[in-house]
Amino acid sequence: MTRNRPIYKRGGVITERNPDFCAVRLRIPAGVLTAEKLAGIGKIAKKYSDGEVHLTTRQTVEIPHIDPDLLEEVAHELKENGTPLGSEYDEVVNIIACPGTAGCKYSNIETYGLAKRIDAKVFGREMPIRVRISLSGCPNACTSPVLNEIGIVGRIRPLRIEGMCTGCGTCAKYCKEAAIIIRNGISELIPEKCVQCGICIYSCPFDLLKSEYCHYLITIGGRRGRHPHPGKELITVETEDEVVAVIEQVVTWIYRKAWSGRHLADQLDELDFESFRTELQVKFNGGTSK
């Protein structure tokens, strides 16, 4: 496990351009910090560096320009502060998430608690490749889940109550995908255009659109960087417990099957992704794709 590796080989320790110094990356699932922990990071940065910190794209913090001889002391104080060393190399790195239902009116799922549950299960595991996990509360995908090795998106499939629609057109107006039309005074959904964001449900002034299927879409094999590539749809599940269980199985599958030195996106076919997807769908959905 990561904790048994020498401090200077830990993923949260990054050698800088000037090899006499290193940056220390922290473990902050979903980027959520209390004011006390934030103040503690500031004190540590002042004590061991130049008092500056860097906010990373993966919702964590780096303290730059640290003398490697001080790493043990820094790591100890960071752990005491509740913001321990993070990961950066071939490991499961910091779990990121949008605000979810805690703060976003478009979100379909709670994200902060789920990100922390996933972090507790798989963060920091040594892997053949770097594994990034991203949660988005809705298909707006502010955290780019489909461009991560593992992505999770909260979705809702709308259902119109038959015989009650007034044809006011509010849902059609709010639908950004033009997936709803008004025909003969009744709203009609075009399924192939719908991304299951749920905005139409919330927009209906008469509460005549309901959720038929609130769920989590899980994708794998996404890639950012110089050659971005979207991940493939793996499975949809309905509960947080199922999400955590699926993520654990995906991480184990990557650990056992993936080759080092290549992005997961470049080796999915060689790893027999379709068989793995079928296996999970049988286990969690009875073999059906919902």
Protein backbone atom coordinates (compact mmCIF):
# COMPACT_ATOMS: atom_id res chain seq x y z
CA MET A 1 0.00 0.00 0.00
CA THR A 2 1.00 3.62 -0.51
CA ARG A 3 1.60 4.33 3.18
CA ASN A 4 4.49 1.84 3.31
CA ARG A 5 6.47 3.53 0.54
CA PRO A 6 9.32 5.93 1.39
CA ILE A 7 8.03 9.48 1.73
CA TYR A 8 9.95 10.80 -1.28
CA LYS A 9 8.39 8.13 -3.53
CA ARG A 10 4.81 8.89 -2.51
CA GLY A 11 2.52 10.16 -5.23
CA GLY A 12 1.80 13.36 -3.35
CA VAL A 13 5.45 14.40 -3.56
CA ILE A 14 6.35 15.96 -6.93
CA THR A 15 9.89 16.96 -7.88
CA GLU A 16 9.92 20.52 -9.25
CA ARG A 17 11.78 21.91 -12.24
CA ASN A 18 14.53 22.78 -9.77
CA PRO A 19 15.23 19.28 -8.39
CA ASP A 20 16.40 20.74 -5.10
CA PHE A 21 12.75 21.35 -4.21
CA CYS A 22 9.46 19.51 -4.41
CA ALA A 23 5.76 20.31 -4.29
CA VAL A 24 3.44 18.44 -1.96
CA ARG A 25 -0.05 17.60 -3.22
CA LEU A 26 -2.81 17.01 -0.68
CA ARG A 27 -5.71 14.58 -0.41
CA ILE A 28 -8.93 16.62 -0.48
CA PRO A 29 -11.86 14.57 -1.84
CA ALA A 30 -14.31 16.74 -3.82
CA GLY A 31 -12.19 19.77 -2.92
CA VAL A 32 -14.12 20.34 0.29
CA LEU A 33 -12.29 21.91 3.24
CA THR A 34 -13.36 23.39 6.55
CA ALA A 35 -12.13 26.90 7.34
CA GLU A 36 -9.94 25.38 10.06
CA LYS A 37 -8.24 22.95 7.67
CA LEU A 38 -7.74 25.71 5.13
CA ALA A 39 -6.10 27.89 7.77
CA GLY A 40 -3.94 24.93 8.80
CA ILE A 41 -2.67 24.50 5.25
CA GLY A 42 -1.76 28.17 5.21
CA LYS A 43 0.24 27.85 8.42
CA ILE A 44 2.12 24.81 7.09
CA ALA A 45 2.87 26.63 3.82
CA LYS A 46 4.29 29.58 5.74
CA LYS A 47 6.34 27.36 8.03
CA TYR A 48 7.91 25.10 5.41
CA SER A 49 7.70 27.10 2.18
CA ASP A 50 7.15 30.66 0.94
CA GLY A 51 3.55 30.90 2.12
CA GLU A 52 1.97 30.30 -1.28
CA VAL A 53 -0.23 27.39 -2.35
CA HIS A 54 -1.48 26.21 -5.74
CA LEU A 55 -5.10 25.17 -6.36
CA THR A 56 -4.97 22.29 -8.83
CA THR A 57 -7.39 21.28 -11.57
CA ARG A 58 -8.31 18.20 -9.53
CA GLN A 59 -9.75 20.18 -6.63
CA THR A 60 -6.79 19.78 -4.34
CA VAL A 61 -3.93 21.95 -3.07
CA GLU A 62 -0.19 21.87 -3.67
CA ILE A 63 2.37 23.45 -1.40
CA PRO A 64 5.37 24.27 -3.62
CA HIS A 65 9.09 24.80 -3.00
CA ILE A 66 9.59 22.44 -0.06
CA ASP A 67 13.02 21.14 0.95
CA PRO A 68 12.91 17.31 0.55
CA ASP A 69 14.71 16.95 3.89
CA LEU A 70 11.59 18.36 5.57
CA LEU A 71 9.10 15.99 3.95
CA GLU A 72 8.58 13.78 6.98
CA GLU A 73 7.75 16.78 9.14
CA VAL A 74 5.47 18.29 6.52
CA ALA A 75 3.63 15.00 5.99
CA HIS A 76 3.11 14.60 9.74
CA GLU A 77 1.67 18.10 10.16
CA LEU A 78 -0.56 17.71 7.11
CA LYS A 79 -1.96 14.46 8.50
CA GLU A 80 -2.61 16.11 11.86
CA ASN A 81 -4.42 18.89 9.97
CA GLY A 82 -6.74 16.37 8.30
CA THR A 83 -5.27 17.09 4.86
CA PRO A 84 -2.77 14.25 4.30
CA LEU A 85 -0.53 13.60 1.31
CA GLY A 86 -2.35 13.00 -1.94
CA SER A 87 -1.58 11.00 -5.08
CA GLU A 88 -0.30 11.91 -8.52
CA TYR A 89 1.48 8.96 -10.11
CA ASP A 90 0.13 5.53 -11.13
CA GLU A 91 -2.47 5.52 -8.41
CA VAL A 92 -6.11 6.41 -7.83
CA VAL A 93 -5.77 10.17 -7.49
CA ASN A 94 -7.95 12.82 -5.83
CA ILE A 95 -11.68 12.24 -6.37
CA ILE A 96 -13.35 15.34 -7.80
CA ALA A 97 -17.02 16.37 -7.76
CA CYS A 98 -19.31 19.27 -8.60
CA PRO A 99 -21.37 20.81 -5.74
CA GLY A 100 -24.26 18.41 -6.40
CA THR A 101 -27.55 18.93 -4.61
CA ALA A 102 -25.72 20.72 -1.80
CA GLY A 103 -25.48 23.84 -3.94
CA CYS A 104 -26.50 23.41 -7.58
CA LYS A 105 -30.11 23.74 -8.77
CA TYR A 106 -29.42 21.54 -11.79
CA SER A 107 -27.97 18.59 -9.89
CA ASN A 108 -29.80 15.27 -9.72
CA ILE A 109 -27.60 13.61 -7.09
CA GLU A 110 -25.70 14.35 -3.91
CA THR A 111 -21.99 14.33 -4.76
CA TYR A 112 -19.85 15.39 -1.79
CA GLY A 113 -20.76 12.45 0.44
CA LEU A 114 -20.49 10.00 -2.45
CA ALA A 115 -17.04 11.34 -3.39
CA LYS A 116 -15.89 10.82 0.19
CA ARG A 117 -17.24 7.25 0.21
CA ILE A 118 -15.39 6.44 -3.02
CA ASP A 119 -12.25 8.11 -1.64
CA ALA A 120 -12.41 5.95 1.49
CA LYS A 121 -12.59 2.80 -0.65
CA VAL A 122 -10.06 3.33 -3.43
CA PHE A 123 -7.98 6.51 -3.04
CA GLY A 124 -4.23 6.05 -3.31
CA ARG A 125 -4.27 2.45 -4.50
CA GLU A 126 -1.19 1.66 -6.53
CA MET A 127 -2.21 0.93 -10.10
CA PRO A 128 -0.55 0.11 -13.43
CA ILE A 129 -1.87 3.46 -14.71
CA ARG A 130 -3.12 6.71 -13.23
CA VAL A 131 -6.84 6.48 -12.45
CA ARG A 132 -8.91 9.66 -12.21
CA ILE A 133 -12.48 9.60 -10.90
CA SER A 134 -14.92 12.45 -11.48
CA LEU A 135 -18.52 12.98 -10.32
CA SER A 136 -21.05 15.30 -11.96
CA GLY A 137 -24.52 15.87 -10.56
CA CYS A 138 -26.09 16.20 -14.01
CA PRO A 139 -25.29 15.90 -17.75
CA ASN A 140 -24.00 19.50 -17.79
CA ALA A 141 -20.82 17.65 -16.76
CA CYS A 142 -18.98 20.60 -15.22
CA THR A 143 -16.28 18.23 -13.91
CA SER A 144 -15.84 16.51 -17.32
CA PRO A 145 -16.56 12.99 -16.00
CA VAL A 146 -16.52 11.44 -19.47
CA LEU A 147 -12.90 12.58 -19.91
CA ASN A 148 -11.73 10.68 -16.83
CA GLU A 149 -10.79 7.03 -16.47
CA ILE A 150 -13.96 6.67 -14.38
CA GLY A 151 -16.87 9.09 -14.66
CA ILE A 152 -20.15 9.25 -12.73
CA VAL A 153 -23.14 11.36 -13.85
CA GLY A 154 -26.49 11.83 -12.15
CA ARG A 155 -29.39 11.56 -14.60
CA ILE A 156 -33.21 11.54 -14.59
CA ARG A 157 -35.46 10.07 -17.27
CA PRO A 158 -38.63 12.20 -17.56
CA LEU A 159 -42.15 10.78 -17.63
CA ARG A 160 -45.22 12.82 -18.63
CA ILE A 161 -48.49 12.15 -16.80
CA GLU A 162 -50.88 11.08 -19.53
CA GLY A 163 -54.01 13.16 -20.10
CA MET A 164 -52.98 16.07 -17.87
CA CYS A 165 -50.54 18.10 -20.03
CA THR A 166 -51.86 21.58 -20.86
CA GLY A 167 -49.44 22.10 -23.73
CA CYS A 168 -48.12 25.33 -22.22
CA GLY A 169 -44.68 24.67 -23.77
CA THR A 170 -42.62 25.57 -20.70
CA CYS A 171 -40.75 22.25 -20.75
CA ALA A 172 -39.98 22.63 -24.46
CA LYS A 173 -38.68 26.15 -23.87
CA TYR A 174 -36.31 25.04 -21.12
CA CYS A 175 -35.02 21.93 -22.91
CA LYS A 176 -31.57 22.77 -24.29
CA GLU A 177 -31.53 19.68 -26.50
CA ALA A 178 -34.77 20.44 -28.41
CA ALA A 179 -35.89 17.02 -27.19
CA ILE A 180 -39.47 18.16 -26.45
CA ILE A 181 -42.00 19.40 -28.96
CA ILE A 182 -45.63 20.46 -28.56
CA ARG A 183 -47.86 18.43 -30.85
CA ASN A 184 -51.66 18.84 -30.82
CA GLY A 185 -51.46 20.71 -27.57
CA ILE A 186 -49.46 18.00 -25.78
CA SER A 187 -45.75 17.82 -24.96
CA GLU A 188 -43.94 15.00 -26.71
CA LEU A 189 -40.47 13.71 -25.82
CA ILE A 190 -37.98 12.74 -28.52
CA PRO A 191 -36.01 10.03 -26.63
CA GLU A 192 -32.97 9.96 -28.94
CA LYS A 193 -32.36 13.67 -28.26
CA CYS A 194 -32.92 13.56 -24.50
CA VAL A 195 -29.78 13.56 -22.31
CA GLN A 196 -31.83 12.91 -19.14
CA CYS A 197 -30.79 16.11 -17.40
CA GLY A 198 -34.13 16.57 -15.61
CA ILE A 199 -34.50 20.28 -16.35
CA CYS A 200 -37.89 19.71 -17.98
CA ILE A 201 -39.16 18.03 -14.81
CA TYR A 202 -38.21 20.98 -12.63
CA SER A 203 -39.53 23.52 -15.15
CA CYS A 204 -43.11 22.21 -15.44
CA PRO A 205 -45.32 24.78 -13.64
CA PHE A 206 -48.06 22.19 -13.10
CA ASP A 207 -45.79 19.40 -11.82
CA LEU A 208 -46.94 17.06 -14.60
CA LEU A 209 -43.49 15.71 -15.47
CA LYS A 210 -42.09 13.10 -13.10
CA SER A 211 -38.90 11.09 -12.75
CA GLU A 212 -39.27 7.65 -14.32
CA TYR A 213 -35.72 6.58 -13.59
CA CYS A 214 -33.27 8.52 -11.39
CA HIS A 215 -29.88 6.91 -11.76
CA TYR A 216 -26.10 7.13 -11.96
CA LEU A 217 -24.40 6.64 -15.32
CA ILE A 218 -20.87 5.26 -14.96
CA THR A 219 -18.37 5.57 -17.80
CA ILE A 220 -14.81 4.31 -18.09
CA GLY A 221 -11.84 4.90 -20.35
CA GLY A 222 -11.98 8.68 -20.77
CA ARG A 223 -8.83 10.69 -21.43
CA ARG A 224 -7.86 14.34 -21.16
CA GLY A 225 -4.57 15.86 -22.27
CA ARG A 226 -3.24 16.41 -25.76
CA HIS A 227 -5.46 13.74 -27.32
CA PRO A 228 -8.79 13.87 -25.42
CA HIS A 229 -11.14 10.94 -25.82
CA PRO A 230 -14.57 10.32 -24.25
CA GLY A 231 -15.09 7.25 -22.12
CA LYS A 232 -17.53 4.46 -22.88
CA GLU A 233 -20.81 3.89 -21.07
CA LEU A 234 -20.38 1.01 -18.64
CA ILE A 235 -23.56 0.73 -16.59
CA THR A 236 -26.37 2.63 -14.90
CA VAL A 237 -27.29 1.95 -11.27
CA GLU A 238 -29.82 3.45 -8.89
CA THR A 239 -28.15 3.70 -5.47
CA GLU A 240 -24.97 5.09 -3.92
CA ASP A 241 -24.14 1.65 -2.54
CA GLU A 242 -24.22 0.24 -6.07
CA VAL A 243 -22.02 3.08 -7.34
CA VAL A 244 -19.37 2.38 -4.70
CA ALA A 245 -19.52 -1.37 -5.41
CA VAL A 246 -19.15 -0.83 -9.16
CA ILE A 247 -16.22 1.57 -8.70
CA GLU A 248 -14.44 -0.95 -6.50
CA GLN A 249 -14.87 -3.62 -9.16
CA VAL A 250 -13.69 -1.29 -11.94
CA VAL A 251 -10.57 -0.34 -9.99
CA THR A 252 -9.82 -4.03 -9.31
CA TRP A 253 -10.38 -4.86 -12.99
CA ILE A 254 -7.96 -2.11 -14.08
CA TYR A 255 -5.39 -3.26 -11.51
CA ARG A 256 -5.51 -6.86 -12.70
CA LYS A 257 -5.89 -6.32 -16.43
CA ALA A 258 -4.39 -2.99 -17.58
CA TRP A 259 -0.90 -2.55 -18.98
CA SER A 260 1.34 0.19 -17.62
CA GLY A 261 2.62 3.00 -19.81
CA ARG A 262 -0.62 3.40 -21.81
CA HIS A 263 -3.84 5.29 -21.20
CA LEU A 264 -6.82 3.13 -20.34
CA ALA A 265 -8.60 4.60 -23.38
CA ASP A 266 -5.99 3.01 -25.65
CA GLN A 267 -6.38 -0.52 -24.30
CA LEU A 268 -10.07 -1.02 -23.53
CA ASP A 269 -10.62 -3.32 -26.50
CA GLU A 270 -7.57 -5.43 -25.61
CA LEU A 271 -8.89 -5.76 -22.07
CA ASP A 272 -12.18 -7.19 -23.38
CA PHE A 273 -14.24 -4.28 -22.14
CA GLU A 274 -17.48 -5.66 -23.60
CA SER A 275 -17.23 -8.85 -21.55
CA PHE A 276 -16.56 -6.83 -18.40
CA ARG A 277 -19.55 -4.58 -19.11
CA THR A 278 -21.81 -7.58 -19.63
CA GLU A 279 -20.56 -9.14 -16.39
CA LEU A 280 -21.42 -6.01 -14.40
CA GLN A 281 -24.81 -5.60 -16.03
CA VAL A 282 -25.70 -9.18 -15.16
CA LYS A 283 -24.62 -8.66 -11.58
CA PHE A 284 -26.26 -5.30 -10.94
CA ASN A 285 -29.08 -5.05 -13.50
CA GLY A 286 -29.96 -8.66 -14.20
CA GLY A 287 -28.33 -8.49 -17.62
CA THR A 288 -30.44 -5.58 -18.90
CA SER A 289 -29.28 -2.14 -19.99
CA LYS A 290 -31.77 0.23 -18.37
